[in-house]
């Protein structure tokens, strides 16, 4: 099976600006994006000709996949990096984001932010309930705290 013109351009752009190992890592993510373009019926002749709407639609589709947040961000970043190296308009690329909610991290003394999905991930809910349970058990088993609260 021959490689498409977009894949050839992506391979050339990646090999020009990064190592072979980086190209091997990023190219499968690019091929997923190319499959997304083919499913939409819009396969442009070159990377700079990819419509901005297609990039935004891909970012939105990553939001609805059953992926971890980090995996979705890596997939989008790989596509944007290939586009950047292939001379796509950088101003447009900066505006392409996965539409997720950004909220401040709780109990932090600085203004750090984390990406939070619309529905909390199951493992984070389990970890939060374990922390609460451990904290409650420590408070309940510490007699000094009980005496302090009484006085």
C-alpha atoms as a PDB file:
ATOM      1  CA  UNK A   1       0.000   0.000   0.000  1.00  0.00           C
ATOM      2  CA  UNK A   2       1.468   3.329  -1.020  1.00  0.00           C
ATOM      3  CA  UNK A   3       1.748   6.244   1.329  1.00  0.00           C
ATOM      4  CA  UNK A   4      -0.566   9.199   0.769  1.00  0.00           C
ATOM      5  CA  UNK A   5       0.761  12.612  -0.200  1.00  0.00           C
ATOM      6  CA  UNK A   6      -0.081  14.027   3.243  1.00  0.00           C
ATOM      7  CA  UNK A   7       1.797  11.203   4.969  1.00  0.00           C
ATOM      8  CA  UNK A   8       4.823  11.795   2.758  1.00  0.00           C
ATOM      9  CA  UNK A   9       4.779  15.503   3.633  1.00  0.00           C
ATOM     10  CA  UNK A  10       4.424  14.688   7.321  1.00  0.00           C
ATOM     11  CA  UNK A  11       7.330  12.236   7.186  1.00  0.00           C
ATOM     12  CA  UNK A  12       9.525  14.792   5.398  1.00  0.00           C
ATOM     13  CA  UNK A  13       8.617  17.568   7.829  1.00  0.00           C
ATOM     14  CA  UNK A  14       9.282  15.374  10.863  1.00  0.00           C
ATOM     15  CA  UNK A  15      12.564  14.029   9.541  1.00  0.00           C
ATOM     16  CA  UNK A  16      13.744  17.547   8.747  1.00  0.00           C
ATOM     17  CA  UNK A  17      13.032  19.000  12.200  1.00  0.00           C
ATOM     18  CA  UNK A  18      13.333  16.079  14.611  1.00  0.00           C
ATOM     19  CA  UNK A  19      15.062  12.767  15.229  1.00  0.00           C
ATOM     20  CA  UNK A  20      14.065   9.495  13.609  1.00  0.00           C
ATOM     21  CA  UNK A  21      12.724   8.214  16.934  1.00  0.00           C
ATOM     22  CA  UNK A  22      10.470  11.273  17.266  1.00  0.00           C
ATOM     23  CA  UNK A  23       9.245  10.776  13.709  1.00  0.00           C
ATOM     24  CA  UNK A  24       8.446   7.112  14.429  1.00  0.00           C
ATOM     25  CA  UNK A  25       6.517   8.154  17.535  1.00  0.00           C
ATOM     26  CA  UNK A  26       4.557  11.007  15.976  1.00  0.00           C
ATOM     27  CA  UNK A  27       3.760   9.526  12.568  1.00  0.00           C
ATOM     28  CA  UNK A  28       1.163   6.988  13.839  1.00  0.00           C
ATOM     29  CA  UNK A  29      -0.673   9.857  15.538  1.00  0.00           C
ATOM     30  CA  UNK A  30      -0.592  11.759  12.253  1.00  0.00           C
ATOM     31  CA  UNK A  31      -1.996   8.717  10.440  1.00  0.00           C
ATOM     32  CA  UNK A  32      -4.929   8.692  12.886  1.00  0.00           C
ATOM     33  CA  UNK A  33      -5.608  12.312  11.957  1.00  0.00           C
ATOM     34  CA  UNK A  34      -5.355  11.449   8.281  1.00  0.00           C
ATOM     35  CA  UNK A  35      -7.896   8.649   8.769  1.00  0.00           C
ATOM     36  CA  UNK A  36     -10.150  11.206  10.472  1.00  0.00           C
ATOM     37  CA  UNK A  37      -9.831  13.488   7.421  1.00  0.00           C
ATOM     38  CA  UNK A  38     -10.661  10.602   5.082  1.00  0.00           C
ATOM     39  CA  UNK A  39     -13.732   9.721   7.155  1.00  0.00           C
ATOM     40  CA  UNK A  40     -14.944  13.287   6.699  1.00  0.00           C
ATOM     41  CA  UNK A  41     -14.303  13.085   2.956  1.00  0.00           C
ATOM     42  CA  UNK A  42     -11.823  15.979   2.968  1.00  0.00           C
ATOM     43  CA  UNK A  43      -8.315  14.876   2.054  1.00  0.00           C
ATOM     44  CA  UNK A  44      -6.464  17.991   0.856  1.00  0.00           C
ATOM     45  CA  UNK A  45      -3.520  17.887  -1.503  1.00  0.00           C
ATOM     46  CA  UNK A  46      -1.022  19.266   1.036  1.00  0.00           C
ATOM     47  CA  UNK A  47      -0.753  19.968   4.761  1.00  0.00           C
ATOM     48  CA  UNK A  48      -1.062  23.787   4.502  1.00  0.00           C
ATOM     49  CA  UNK A  49      -4.324  23.233   2.583  1.00  0.00           C
ATOM     50  CA  UNK A  50      -6.005  21.451   5.501  1.00  0.00           C
ATOM     51  CA  UNK A  51      -9.057  23.512   6.472  1.00  0.00           C
ATOM     52  CA  UNK A  52      -9.027  25.092   9.899  1.00  0.00           C
ATOM     53  CA  UNK A  53     -12.479  23.614  10.519  1.00  0.00           C
ATOM     54  CA  UNK A  54     -11.057  20.109  10.085  1.00  0.00           C
ATOM     55  CA  UNK A  55      -8.412  20.737  12.753  1.00  0.00           C
ATOM     56  CA  UNK A  56     -11.066  22.089  15.124  1.00  0.00           C
ATOM     57  CA  UNK A  57     -13.351  19.131  14.399  1.00  0.00           C
ATOM     58  CA  UNK A  58     -10.484  16.722  15.144  1.00  0.00           C
ATOM     59  CA  UNK A  59      -9.798  18.466  18.468  1.00  0.00           C
ATOM     60  CA  UNK A  60     -13.483  18.189  19.342  1.00  0.00           C
ATOM     61  CA  UNK A  61     -13.568  14.521  18.353  1.00  0.00           C
ATOM     62  CA  UNK A  62     -10.619  13.867  20.675  1.00  0.00           C
ATOM     63  CA  UNK A  63     -12.710  15.374  23.454  1.00  0.00           C
ATOM     64  CA  UNK A  64     -15.474  12.806  22.898  1.00  0.00           C
ATOM     65  CA  UNK A  65     -13.257   9.729  22.557  1.00  0.00           C
ATOM     66  CA  UNK A  66     -12.863   7.419  25.496  1.00  0.00           C
ATOM     67  CA  UNK A  67      -9.232   8.471  25.998  1.00  0.00           C
ATOM     68  CA  UNK A  68      -7.353   9.784  28.969  1.00  0.00           C
ATOM     69  CA  UNK A  69      -6.873  13.548  28.871  1.00  0.00           C
ATOM     70  CA  UNK A  70      -3.105  13.215  28.395  1.00  0.00           C
ATOM     71  CA  UNK A  71      -3.518  10.861  25.407  1.00  0.00           C
ATOM     72  CA  UNK A  72      -5.876  13.289  23.705  1.00  0.00           C
ATOM     73  CA  UNK A  73      -3.483  16.194  24.296  1.00  0.00           C
ATOM     74  CA  UNK A  74      -0.529  14.212  22.909  1.00  0.00           C
ATOM     75  CA  UNK A  75      -2.503  13.216  19.797  1.00  0.00           C
ATOM     76  CA  UNK A  76      -3.525  16.806  19.098  1.00  0.00           C
ATOM     77  CA  UNK A  77      -0.036  18.117  19.845  1.00  0.00           C
ATOM     78  CA  UNK A  78       1.493  15.656  17.376  1.00  0.00           C
ATOM     79  CA  UNK A  79      -0.849  16.809  14.621  1.00  0.00           C
ATOM     80  CA  UNK A  80      -0.212  20.468  15.377  1.00  0.00           C
ATOM     81  CA  UNK A  81       3.554  19.897  15.437  1.00  0.00           C
ATOM     82  CA  UNK A  82       3.479  18.243  12.025  1.00  0.00           C
ATOM     83  CA  UNK A  83       1.356  21.103  10.676  1.00  0.00           C
ATOM     84  CA  UNK A  84       3.726  23.668  12.159  1.00  0.00           C
ATOM     85  CA  UNK A  85       6.774  22.007  10.592  1.00  0.00           C
ATOM     86  CA  UNK A  86       4.938  21.836   7.268  1.00  0.00           C
ATOM     87  CA  UNK A  87       4.511  25.646   7.251  1.00  0.00           C
ATOM     88  CA  UNK A  88       0.877  25.775   8.335  1.00  0.00           C
ATOM     89  CA  UNK A  89      -0.273  29.154   9.656  1.00  0.00           C
ATOM     90  CA  UNK A  90       1.007  29.299  13.265  1.00  0.00           C
ATOM     91  CA  UNK A  91      -1.641  31.813  14.301  1.00  0.00           C
ATOM     92  CA  UNK A  92      -4.375  29.330  13.444  1.00  0.00           C
ATOM     93  CA  UNK A  93      -2.545  26.460  15.159  1.00  0.00           C
ATOM     94  CA  UNK A  94      -2.342  28.410  18.423  1.00  0.00           C
ATOM     95  CA  UNK A  95      -6.123  28.701  18.495  1.00  0.00           C
ATOM     96  CA  UNK A  96      -6.783  24.946  18.085  1.00  0.00           C
ATOM     97  CA  UNK A  97      -7.553  23.427  21.502  1.00  0.00           C
ATOM     98  CA  UNK A  98      -9.472  20.532  22.963  1.00  0.00           C
ATOM     99  CA  UNK A  99     -12.611  22.091  24.448  1.00  0.00           C
ATOM    100  CA  UNK A 100     -12.178  21.103  28.079  1.00  0.00           C
ATOM    101  CA  UNK A 101     -12.767  22.958  31.325  1.00  0.00           C
ATOM    102  CA  UNK A 102      -9.727  24.427  33.086  1.00  0.00           C
ATOM    103  CA  UNK A 103     -10.100  24.881  36.828  1.00  0.00           C
ATOM    104  CA  UNK A 104      -7.684  25.833  39.595  1.00  0.00           C
ATOM    105  CA  UNK A 105      -6.149  22.955  41.490  1.00  0.00           C
ATOM    106  CA  UNK A 106      -7.573  22.719  45.003  1.00  0.00           C
ATOM    107  CA  UNK A 107      -5.362  23.300  48.063  1.00  0.00           C
ATOM    108  CA  UNK A 108      -2.499  24.922  46.179  1.00  0.00           C
ATOM    109  CA  UNK A 109      -0.736  28.111  47.164  1.00  0.00           C
ATOM    110  CA  UNK A 110       0.053  29.149  43.607  1.00  0.00           C
ATOM    111  CA  UNK A 111      -2.096  29.633  40.535  1.00  0.00           C
ATOM    112  CA  UNK A 112      -1.511  26.227  38.958  1.00  0.00           C
ATOM    113  CA  UNK A 113      -4.125  24.837  36.596  1.00  0.00           C
ATOM    114  CA  UNK A 114      -5.035  21.364  35.504  1.00  0.00           C
ATOM    115  CA  UNK A 115      -7.185  20.039  32.709  1.00  0.00           C
ATOM    116  CA  UNK A 116     -10.427  18.610  34.032  1.00  0.00           C
ATOM    117  CA  UNK A 117     -12.877  16.703  31.904  1.00  0.00           C
ATOM    118  CA  UNK A 118     -16.595  17.287  32.069  1.00  0.00           C
ATOM    119  CA  UNK A 119     -16.967  14.073  34.050  1.00  0.00           C
ATOM    120  CA  UNK A 120     -14.236  13.305  36.620  1.00  0.00           C
ATOM    121  CA  UNK A 121     -12.148  10.286  35.717  1.00  0.00           C
ATOM    122  CA  UNK A 122     -12.917   7.173  37.711  1.00  0.00           C
ATOM    123  CA  UNK A 123      -9.408   6.745  39.120  1.00  0.00           C
ATOM    124  CA  UNK A 124      -9.372  10.319  40.453  1.00  0.00           C
ATOM    125  CA  UNK A 125     -12.686   9.776  42.231  1.00  0.00           C
ATOM    126  CA  UNK A 126     -11.338   6.590  43.808  1.00  0.00           C
ATOM    127  CA  UNK A 127      -8.136   8.321  44.908  1.00  0.00           C
ATOM    128  CA  UNK A 128     -10.101  11.221  46.397  1.00  0.00           C
ATOM    129  CA  UNK A 129     -12.362   8.879  48.376  1.00  0.00           C
ATOM    130  CA  UNK A 130      -9.318   6.925  49.651  1.00  0.00           C
ATOM    131  CA  UNK A 131      -7.673  10.166  50.826  1.00  0.00           C
ATOM    132  CA  UNK A 132     -10.861  11.245  52.608  1.00  0.00           C
ATOM    133  CA  UNK A 133     -11.271   7.843  54.235  1.00  0.00           C
ATOM    134  CA  UNK A 134      -7.620   7.802  55.381  1.00  0.00           C
ATOM    135  CA  UNK A 135      -7.885  11.324  56.746  1.00  0.00           C
ATOM    136  CA  UNK A 136     -11.081  10.439  58.604  1.00  0.00           C
ATOM    137  CA  UNK A 137      -9.507   7.288  60.080  1.00  0.00           C
ATOM    138  CA  UNK A 138      -6.445   9.236  61.253  1.00  0.00           C
ATOM    139  CA  UNK A 139      -8.616  11.873  62.903  1.00  0.00           C
ATOM    140  CA  UNK A 140     -10.824   9.255  64.547  1.00  0.00           C
ATOM    141  CA  UNK A 141      -7.896   7.217  65.896  1.00  0.00           C
ATOM    142  CA  UNK A 142      -5.858  10.118  67.286  1.00  0.00           C
ATOM    143  CA  UNK A 143      -6.880  10.601  70.967  1.00  0.00           C
ATOM    144  CA  UNK A 144      -4.986  13.908  71.260  1.00  0.00           C
ATOM    145  CA  UNK A 145      -7.197  15.431  68.565  1.00  0.00           C
ATOM    146  CA  UNK A 146     -10.317  14.167  70.302  1.00  0.00           C
ATOM    147  CA  UNK A 147      -9.250  15.749  73.614  1.00  0.00           C
ATOM    148  CA  UNK A 148      -8.360  19.034  71.869  1.00  0.00           C
ATOM    149  CA  UNK A 149     -11.764  19.183  70.230  1.00  0.00           C
ATOM    150  CA  UNK A 150     -13.521  18.576  73.564  1.00  0.00           C
ATOM    151  CA  UNK A 151     -11.657  21.331  75.451  1.00  0.00           C
END
